[in-house]
Protein backbone atom coordinates (compact mmCIF):
# COMPACT_ATOMS: atom_id res chain seq x y z
CA MET A 1 0.29 -0.12 -0.02
CA PRO A 2 1.59 3.10 -0.81
CA PRO A 3 2.41 6.16 1.54
CA PHE A 4 0.11 8.57 0.10
CA PHE A 5 -2.62 8.11 2.58
CA ILE A 6 -0.76 10.43 4.59
CA LEU A 7 -2.88 12.75 3.17
CA VAL A 8 -6.13 11.74 4.54
CA PRO A 9 -6.99 14.30 7.60
CA THR A 10 -8.97 12.15 9.42
CA LEU A 11 -7.61 12.49 13.04
CA GLN A 12 -9.21 15.77 14.43
CA CYS A 13 -6.49 16.49 17.09
CA LEU A 14 -4.89 19.56 17.64
CA PHE A 15 -1.55 18.17 17.25
CA LEU A 16 -0.49 15.12 15.53
CA ILE A 17 2.48 12.99 14.71
CA CYS A 18 1.99 10.12 12.53
CA VAL A 19 4.29 6.94 11.61
CA PHE A 20 3.37 4.60 8.67
CA GLU A 21 5.13 1.74 8.12
CA PHE A 22 4.67 0.42 4.96
CA GLU A 23 7.40 -2.00 3.66
CA SER A 24 10.26 -3.65 5.41
CA ASN A 25 12.90 -0.87 4.28
CA THR A 26 10.70 2.12 4.13
CA PHE A 27 8.35 4.22 6.59
CA VAL A 28 7.00 7.49 6.73
CA LEU A 29 6.66 10.24 9.59
CA ALA A 30 3.84 12.76 8.60
CA GLN A 31 2.64 15.63 11.13
CA ASN A 32 -0.58 17.66 11.00
CA HIS A 33 0.28 21.05 12.87
CA PRO A 34 -2.62 23.59 12.67
CA MET A 35 -1.01 26.01 15.04
CA ARG A 36 2.66 25.18 13.18
CA SER A 37 4.20 23.48 16.26
CA LYS A 38 5.64 20.46 14.99
CA LEU A 39 8.29 18.07 16.03
CA ALA A 40 11.78 19.68 14.74
CA HIS A 41 14.58 17.06 15.53
CA LEU A 42 15.38 14.16 17.91
CA GLU A 43 18.67 13.36 19.58
CA LEU A 44 19.08 9.99 20.65
CA GLU A 45 21.70 7.98 22.59
CA GLY A 46 21.87 4.54 23.90
CA TYR A 47 18.81 3.42 22.72
CA LYS A 48 19.22 0.11 21.16
CA SER A 49 21.33 0.59 18.09
CA PHE A 50 21.36 4.39 18.24
CA THR A 51 25.01 4.67 19.76
CA PRO A 52 26.82 7.01 19.92
CA LYS A 53 24.52 10.22 19.96
CA GLN A 54 22.50 10.52 16.76
CA THR A 55 20.45 13.74 15.81
CA ILE A 56 17.35 13.03 13.28
CA ARG A 57 15.50 16.34 11.62
CA PHE A 58 12.13 16.04 10.72
CA GLY A 59 9.82 18.26 8.21
CA ASP A 60 6.45 17.95 7.70
CA ILE A 61 6.78 14.54 6.11
CA THR A 62 10.05 12.63 6.40
CA ILE A 63 10.76 9.59 4.94
CA PHE A 64 12.91 7.00 6.16
CA ILE A 65 14.46 4.25 3.53
CA GLY A 66 17.00 1.40 4.88
CA ALA A 67 18.01 -2.03 4.76
CA ASN A 68 16.83 -4.44 7.20
CA GLY A 69 19.07 -3.81 10.41
CA ALA A 70 19.46 -0.27 9.70
CA GLY A 71 17.78 1.09 12.74
CA LYS A 72 13.94 2.10 11.09
CA SER A 73 11.91 -0.15 13.39
CA ASN A 74 14.22 1.06 16.62
CA LEU A 75 13.14 4.15 15.59
CA ILE A 76 9.57 3.31 15.19
CA SER A 77 9.50 1.49 18.81
CA LEU A 78 10.83 4.80 20.16
CA PHE A 79 7.63 6.40 19.10
CA ARG A 80 5.73 3.98 20.67
CA LEU A 81 7.95 4.33 23.93
CA LEU A 82 7.06 7.75 24.03
CA GLY A 83 3.42 6.96 24.00
CA TYR A 84 3.50 4.91 26.70
CA LEU A 85 5.40 7.29 28.83
CA SER A 86 2.53 9.72 27.97
CA THR A 87 0.05 7.44 29.26
CA GLY A 88 1.81 6.38 32.62
CA ASN A 89 2.47 3.02 31.63
CA PHE A 90 6.28 3.11 30.67
CA GLN A 91 6.51 -0.22 32.82
CA GLY A 92 3.91 -2.13 30.73
CA PHE A 93 5.93 -1.15 27.51
CA VAL A 94 9.13 -2.31 29.16
CA SER A 95 7.33 -5.55 30.42
CA GLN A 96 6.28 -6.16 26.76
CA GLY A 97 9.82 -5.71 25.37
CA GLY A 98 11.25 -8.03 27.89
CA ASP A 99 13.61 -6.34 30.30
CA ALA A 100 16.20 -3.35 30.57
CA ALA A 101 18.51 -5.18 28.19
CA THR A 102 15.99 -5.16 25.41
CA PHE A 103 16.33 -1.56 25.21
CA THR A 104 19.78 -0.52 25.98
CA HIS A 105 22.96 -0.32 23.71
CA PRO A 106 24.38 -3.08 22.92
CA GLY A 107 21.93 -5.04 25.78
CA ASP A 108 25.00 -3.39 28.43
CA LEU A 109 23.11 -2.61 31.44
CA ARG A 110 25.64 0.16 32.62
CA ASN A 111 24.72 2.68 29.51
CA THR A 112 21.70 5.10 30.01
CA ILE A 113 19.24 5.97 27.23
CA GLN A 114 18.90 9.43 26.61
CA ILE A 115 16.17 11.09 24.59
CA MET A 116 15.79 15.09 23.47
CA LEU A 117 12.86 15.88 21.37
CA GLU A 118 12.40 19.57 20.37
CA ILE A 119 8.94 21.23 19.19
CA SER A 120 9.19 24.37 17.49
CA ASN A 121 7.16 27.09 16.35
CA GLU A 122 7.39 30.63 15.17
CA THR A 123 8.64 31.90 18.64
CA HIS A 124 10.12 29.29 20.82
CA GLU A 125 11.90 25.85 20.94
CA ASN A 126 10.30 23.86 22.99
CA GLY A 127 12.29 20.68 24.29
CA TYR A 128 11.80 17.60 26.55
CA GLU A 129 14.56 15.54 27.69
CA ILE A 130 14.72 12.35 29.33
CA THR A 131 17.33 9.73 30.93
CA LEU A 132 16.57 6.19 31.15
CA ALA A 133 18.56 4.02 33.33
CA PRO A 134 18.79 0.21 34.09
CA THR A 135 18.34 -0.91 37.77
CA GLU A 136 20.18 -4.03 39.11
CA ASP A 137 17.01 -5.98 38.66
CA ASN A 138 16.96 -5.29 34.98
CA LYS A 139 14.13 -2.97 35.21
CA LEU A 140 14.13 0.37 33.18
CA ARG A 141 13.46 3.75 35.38
CA ILE A 142 13.21 7.31 34.51
CA ARG A 143 16.64 8.81 36.13
CA SER A 144 15.43 12.72 35.07
CA LYS A 145 12.94 14.33 33.05
CA GLN A 146 12.83 18.33 32.42
CA PHE A 147 10.84 20.53 29.83
CA ILE A 148 13.22 23.34 28.23
CA THR A 149 11.87 26.71 26.40
CA LYS A 150 13.91 28.87 24.30
CA LYS A 151 12.41 31.97 23.09
CA LEU A 152 13.64 32.98 19.61
CA PRO A 153 15.54 34.83 18.49
CA ASP A 154 17.99 34.58 21.56
CA ARG A 155 17.46 30.95 22.12
CA ILE A 156 18.52 31.20 25.93
CA PRO A 157 17.29 28.23 27.48
CA ARG A 158 14.83 28.00 30.61
CA LYS A 159 14.50 24.71 32.24
CA GLU A 160 10.43 24.26 33.68
CA MET A 161 11.18 21.18 35.65
CA VAL A 162 13.29 18.53 36.67
CA SER A 163 12.40 15.17 38.22
CA ASP A 164 14.36 12.49 40.39
CA PHE A 165 14.35 8.59 39.66
CA THR A 166 10.81 7.37 38.90
CA PRO A 167 9.17 4.36 37.38
CA GLU A 168 6.32 6.41 35.30
CA SER A 169 6.23 10.05 33.84
CA ILE A 170 3.18 11.78 35.55
CA LEU A 171 4.76 15.23 33.89
CA LEU A 172 2.93 13.89 30.69
CA LYS A 173 -0.34 12.53 31.98
CA GLU A 174 -3.47 14.35 31.29
CA GLY A 175 -4.98 16.32 34.43
CA TYR A 176 -1.42 17.07 35.52
CA VAL A 177 0.10 18.93 32.57
CA GLU A 178 -3.19 21.61 32.81
CA LYS A 179 -1.72 22.82 35.68
CA ASN A 180 1.68 23.86 33.88
CA PRO A 181 2.60 26.35 31.84
CA VAL A 182 1.10 26.53 28.21
CA ASN A 183 4.65 24.96 26.60
CA ILE A 184 4.61 22.02 29.12
CA ARG A 185 1.34 21.60 27.96
CA LEU A 186 2.32 21.90 24.34
CA VAL A 187 4.98 19.40 24.51
CA SER A 188 2.75 16.92 26.45
CA SER A 189 -0.11 17.13 23.91
CA ILE A 190 2.31 16.41 21.03
CA ILE A 191 4.05 13.42 22.51
CA ARG A 192 0.35 12.26 23.38
CA ASN A 193 -0.98 12.48 20.20
CA ILE A 194 1.97 10.44 18.60
CA ARG A 195 -0.19 7.49 17.05
CA TYR A 196 1.85 4.63 15.08
CA TYR A 197 0.11 2.86 12.10
CA GLN A 198 1.25 -0.39 10.56
CA ILE A 199 -0.71 -0.95 7.45
CA HIS A 200 1.33 -3.28 5.25
CA ASP A 201 -0.05 -6.65 6.42
CA THR A 202 -1.15 -8.35 3.50
CA SER A 203 -1.83 -11.75 5.47
CA SER A 204 -4.92 -13.67 5.28
CA ASN A 205 -5.51 -12.45 8.87
CA SER A 206 -5.25 -8.90 8.06
CA ASN A 207 -8.06 -6.45 9.36
CA MET A 208 -7.70 -4.67 6.10
CA LYS A 209 -9.25 -7.37 4.29
CA LYS A 210 -12.27 -7.62 6.40
CA ASP A 211 -15.52 -5.59 6.49
CA SER A 212 -15.49 -2.42 8.10
CA GLU A 213 -18.20 -0.62 10.14
CA ILE A 214 -18.93 2.44 7.80
CA ASN A 215 -19.60 4.52 10.92
CA ALA A 216 -16.26 3.30 12.31
CA SER A 217 -14.52 6.75 10.74
CA ARG A 218 -13.58 9.17 13.50
CA SER A 219 -9.88 8.11 13.05
CA LEU A 220 -7.89 5.78 11.48
CA TYR A 221 -7.45 2.32 13.37
CA THR A 222 -3.59 1.51 13.49
CA ASP A 223 -3.78 -1.49 11.59
CA GLY A 224 -5.63 0.46 9.04
CA GLY A 225 -8.83 -1.85 9.40
CA ASN A 226 -11.35 1.14 8.88
CA LEU A 227 -9.38 1.97 5.91
CA SER A 228 -12.66 1.29 3.93
CA ALA A 229 -14.55 3.66 6.20
CA ILE A 230 -12.22 6.29 6.11
CA LEU A 231 -12.19 6.56 2.71
CA TYR A 232 -15.93 6.09 2.36
CA GLY A 233 -16.31 9.07 4.73
CA LEU A 234 -14.09 11.09 2.38
CA LYS A 235 -15.67 10.25 -0.62
CA THR A 236 -19.35 10.55 0.52
CA ASN A 237 -18.58 14.29 2.07
CA PRO A 238 -18.43 17.29 -0.15
CA GLU A 239 -16.58 18.85 1.93
CA TYR A 240 -13.83 16.07 2.08
CA PHE A 241 -14.39 15.07 -1.67
CA PRO A 242 -11.20 16.92 -2.89
CA TYR A 243 -9.04 14.79 -0.49
CA TYR A 244 -10.34 12.04 -1.93
CA GLN A 245 -9.55 12.89 -5.31
CA ARG A 246 -5.87 13.41 -4.39
CA ILE A 247 -5.54 10.07 -3.02
CA ILE A 248 -6.95 8.93 -6.22
CA GLU A 249 -4.92 11.10 -8.43
CA ASN A 250 -1.59 9.85 -6.33
CA ILE A 251 -2.44 6.26 -6.41
CA GLN A 252 -2.40 6.61 -10.26
CA LEU A 253 0.89 8.44 -10.23
CA ALA A 254 2.23 5.10 -8.54
CA CYS A 255 -0.13 2.08 -10.68
CA PRO A 256 -1.84 3.92 -13.90
CA SER A 257 -4.14 1.03 -14.15
CA PHE A 258 -5.99 2.09 -10.76
CA LYS A 259 -9.31 3.51 -11.41
CA ASP A 260 -11.34 3.86 -8.19
CA PHE A 261 -12.24 2.40 -4.77
CA GLN A 262 -15.44 0.58 -4.66
CA LEU A 263 -16.73 1.51 -1.40
CA LYS A 264 -20.36 0.91 -1.19
CA PRO A 265 -22.25 -0.55 1.63
CA ASN A 266 -22.65 -4.53 1.55
CA LEU A 267 -25.70 -5.79 0.07
CA SER A 268 -26.44 -8.02 2.97
CA ASN A 269 -25.48 -5.28 5.93
CA ASN A 270 -25.28 -1.72 4.82
CA ARG A 271 -23.53 -1.10 8.09
CA PHE A 272 -20.55 -2.29 6.69
CA ASN A 273 -18.36 -2.13 3.70
CA ARG A 274 -14.73 -3.54 2.24
CA LEU A 275 -11.87 -2.10 0.58
CA ASN A 276 -12.52 -3.02 -3.01
CA PHE A 277 -11.50 -1.55 -6.22
CA GLN A 278 -11.32 -1.30 -10.16
CA ASP A 279 -8.35 -0.76 -12.44
CA GLN A 280 -9.12 1.00 -15.82
CA SER A 281 -9.74 -2.49 -17.57
CA SER A 282 -12.38 -4.26 -15.10
CA PRO A 283 -15.95 -4.19 -16.06
CA LEU A 284 -18.32 -2.35 -14.41
CA ASP A 285 -19.68 -4.98 -12.46
CA HIS A 286 -15.92 -6.35 -11.26
CA ALA A 287 -14.04 -4.89 -8.25
CA PHE A 288 -10.74 -6.77 -6.49
CA GLY A 289 -10.55 -7.25 -3.22
CA PRO A 290 -7.55 -6.18 -1.05
CA HIS A 291 -4.54 -8.25 -1.20
């Protein structure tokens, strides 16, 4: 499935960072930021394959291409880690991965993990720094974390908050951040709204190959299981139809034989539809299913 589905404006949140994984050698990071606050760059050291420290800069759309083992999946898992941090379930994420050695480089429990995100807009650069440290019982704890604000153009840093050794990051939890300055709420909102989409599953059990409830179009599921409902909503809503046309045009650039999606409700149950499509040579009564 080609990466032009990043054009679909379906998630109605103030800040959004989307990570789409398509093939084993490619993934795309896209940002929706009506207030022009966006992830500008990431500094990472000691996390899995990221040693020594590496700096990654992001645009509105950033495409990562590399061979297997180059570190793409590790970078994706970092965004998942940040998502768990934002919900106060960091230890659950660590438990899923195994133990601290799973996350340190190269499984060395003497190493710490240092992460720094910078979110910028026209007037400020807002940063979030966090250090993760292994413990003697092979767990992973948050050693320190802080928010940093740099007002442009002087860029003199101002530290907002520093915390001590803890298992979870309450700084990012909803309800807690509302008590803090606007820059902390900004950074927290962006981190909380990171979404990861893995939509290249072509197995027989893929949810994209199953019927989707048409009304399930508020936001795209992480496995793309309601993609047919999302496209149906775009196609049938005059306000969003230009976006649907844009998707079709981009698909045709990559696959000229593609004609259109067939997204009509099922005859047996009109509450559901499926991700069918036609090519240029298809008879009007014939459609291909997702494969």
